[in-house]
């Protein structure tokens, strides 16, 4: 998770409690919300330990999921 934090700071993302606009990210336990400059909606990345459990887009207003990515990333590992 530290690697992701550092990388987002390097790309001038701002850490906030809840993402509301592009260029922001939020960390809560094993969940990282990232609002990219290139997407209309932010992404919620859920981790199980160092593995990505799910990635899905969500609505900023309701915080409800819109779409889950269909890629198989269960074997992707995050650097420590």
C-alpha atoms as a PDB file:
ATOM      1  CA  UNK A   1       0.000   0.000   0.000  1.00  0.00           C
ATOM      2  CA  UNK A   2       2.901   2.377   0.675  1.00  0.00           C
ATOM      3  CA  UNK A   3       4.071   1.941  -2.915  1.00  0.00           C
ATOM      4  CA  UNK A   4       0.673   3.035  -4.243  1.00  0.00           C
ATOM      5  CA  UNK A   5       0.614   5.998  -1.845  1.00  0.00           C
ATOM      6  CA  UNK A   6       4.061   7.134  -2.991  1.00  0.00           C
ATOM      7  CA  UNK A   7       3.238   6.676  -6.664  1.00  0.00           C
ATOM      8  CA  UNK A   8       0.034   8.708  -6.427  1.00  0.00           C
ATOM      9  CA  UNK A   9       1.879  11.518  -4.608  1.00  0.00           C
ATOM     10  CA  UNK A  10       4.523  11.492  -7.377  1.00  0.00           C
ATOM     11  CA  UNK A  11       1.719  12.068  -9.894  1.00  0.00           C
ATOM     12  CA  UNK A  12       0.406  15.002  -7.826  1.00  0.00           C
ATOM     13  CA  UNK A  13      -2.674  13.250  -6.474  1.00  0.00           C
ATOM     14  CA  UNK A  14      -4.034  14.698  -3.235  1.00  0.00           C
ATOM     15  CA  UNK A  15      -4.912  12.394  -0.316  1.00  0.00           C
ATOM     16  CA  UNK A  16      -8.391  13.158   1.057  1.00  0.00           C
ATOM     17  CA  UNK A  17     -10.987  11.463   3.267  1.00  0.00           C
ATOM     18  CA  UNK A  18     -13.422  10.911   0.367  1.00  0.00           C
ATOM     19  CA  UNK A  19     -12.697  11.419  -3.330  1.00  0.00           C
ATOM     20  CA  UNK A  20     -14.912  13.962  -5.055  1.00  0.00           C
ATOM     21  CA  UNK A  21     -12.901  15.102  -8.071  1.00  0.00           C
ATOM     22  CA  UNK A  22     -10.101  13.981 -10.386  1.00  0.00           C
ATOM     23  CA  UNK A  23      -6.629  13.996  -8.856  1.00  0.00           C
ATOM     24  CA  UNK A  24      -7.715  12.735  -5.437  1.00  0.00           C
ATOM     25  CA  UNK A  25      -7.253   9.444  -3.609  1.00  0.00           C
ATOM     26  CA  UNK A  26      -8.390   8.003  -0.311  1.00  0.00           C
ATOM     27  CA  UNK A  27      -7.087   5.133   1.810  1.00  0.00           C
ATOM     28  CA  UNK A  28      -9.285   3.297   4.310  1.00  0.00           C
ATOM     29  CA  UNK A  29      -7.945   0.023   5.637  1.00  0.00           C
ATOM     30  CA  UNK A  30      -7.505  -2.326   2.670  1.00  0.00           C
ATOM     31  CA  UNK A  31      -9.386  -0.049   0.264  1.00  0.00           C
ATOM     32  CA  UNK A  32      -7.965   2.659  -1.982  1.00  0.00           C
ATOM     33  CA  UNK A  33     -10.238   4.999  -3.934  1.00  0.00           C
ATOM     34  CA  UNK A  34      -8.567   6.749  -6.880  1.00  0.00           C
ATOM     35  CA  UNK A  35     -10.143   9.416  -9.066  1.00  0.00           C
ATOM     36  CA  UNK A  36      -8.064   9.503 -12.241  1.00  0.00           C
ATOM     37  CA  UNK A  37      -7.847  12.538 -14.499  1.00  0.00           C
ATOM     38  CA  UNK A  38      -8.752  10.307 -17.447  1.00  0.00           C
ATOM     39  CA  UNK A  39     -12.030   8.758 -16.192  1.00  0.00           C
ATOM     40  CA  UNK A  40     -15.502  10.073 -15.469  1.00  0.00           C
ATOM     41  CA  UNK A  41     -15.817   8.027 -12.271  1.00  0.00           C
ATOM     42  CA  UNK A  42     -13.326   6.995  -9.574  1.00  0.00           C
ATOM     43  CA  UNK A  43     -12.123   3.446  -8.949  1.00  0.00           C
ATOM     44  CA  UNK A  44     -12.226   1.499  -5.712  1.00  0.00           C
ATOM     45  CA  UNK A  45      -9.404  -1.019  -5.330  1.00  0.00           C
ATOM     46  CA  UNK A  46      -9.909  -3.599  -2.586  1.00  0.00           C
ATOM     47  CA  UNK A  47      -6.964  -5.568  -1.272  1.00  0.00           C
ATOM     48  CA  UNK A  48      -6.782  -8.880   0.526  1.00  0.00           C
ATOM     49  CA  UNK A  49      -3.342  -8.684   2.105  1.00  0.00           C
ATOM     50  CA  UNK A  50      -1.004  -7.750  -0.756  1.00  0.00           C
ATOM     51  CA  UNK A  51      -3.318  -9.087  -3.455  1.00  0.00           C
ATOM     52  CA  UNK A  52      -5.944  -7.112  -5.327  1.00  0.00           C
ATOM     53  CA  UNK A  53      -9.332  -8.590  -4.518  1.00  0.00           C
ATOM     54  CA  UNK A  54     -11.477  -6.357  -6.723  1.00  0.00           C
ATOM     55  CA  UNK A  55     -11.466  -3.168  -8.782  1.00  0.00           C
ATOM     56  CA  UNK A  56     -14.682  -1.362  -9.565  1.00  0.00           C
ATOM     57  CA  UNK A  57     -15.860   2.086 -10.549  1.00  0.00           C
ATOM     58  CA  UNK A  58     -18.249   3.890  -8.233  1.00  0.00           C
ATOM     59  CA  UNK A  59     -20.504   6.914  -8.046  1.00  0.00           C
ATOM     60  CA  UNK A  60     -19.065   9.812  -6.027  1.00  0.00           C
ATOM     61  CA  UNK A  61     -22.460  10.918  -4.691  1.00  0.00           C
ATOM     62  CA  UNK A  62     -23.843   7.556  -3.571  1.00  0.00           C
ATOM     63  CA  UNK A  63     -20.523   5.690  -3.089  1.00  0.00           C
ATOM     64  CA  UNK A  64     -22.235   2.705  -4.774  1.00  0.00           C
ATOM     65  CA  UNK A  65     -20.473   0.510  -7.321  1.00  0.00           C
ATOM     66  CA  UNK A  66     -21.172   1.130 -10.989  1.00  0.00           C
ATOM     67  CA  UNK A  67     -19.109  -1.531 -12.716  1.00  0.00           C
ATOM     68  CA  UNK A  68     -16.661  -4.217 -11.665  1.00  0.00           C
ATOM     69  CA  UNK A  69     -13.654  -4.763 -13.915  1.00  0.00           C
ATOM     70  CA  UNK A  70     -13.788  -8.157 -15.554  1.00  0.00           C
ATOM     71  CA  UNK A  71     -10.026  -8.748 -15.710  1.00  0.00           C
ATOM     72  CA  UNK A  72      -8.502 -11.634 -13.795  1.00  0.00           C
ATOM     73  CA  UNK A  73      -6.140  -9.890 -11.416  1.00  0.00           C
ATOM     74  CA  UNK A  74      -6.337 -12.322  -8.493  1.00  0.00           C
ATOM     75  CA  UNK A  75      -2.676 -13.158  -8.931  1.00  0.00           C
ATOM     76  CA  UNK A  76      -1.503  -9.542  -9.127  1.00  0.00           C
ATOM     77  CA  UNK A  77       0.593  -8.573  -6.135  1.00  0.00           C
ATOM     78  CA  UNK A  78       1.275  -5.171  -4.764  1.00  0.00           C
ATOM     79  CA  UNK A  79       4.839  -4.312  -3.798  1.00  0.00           C
ATOM     80  CA  UNK A  80       5.564  -3.969  -0.103  1.00  0.00           C
END
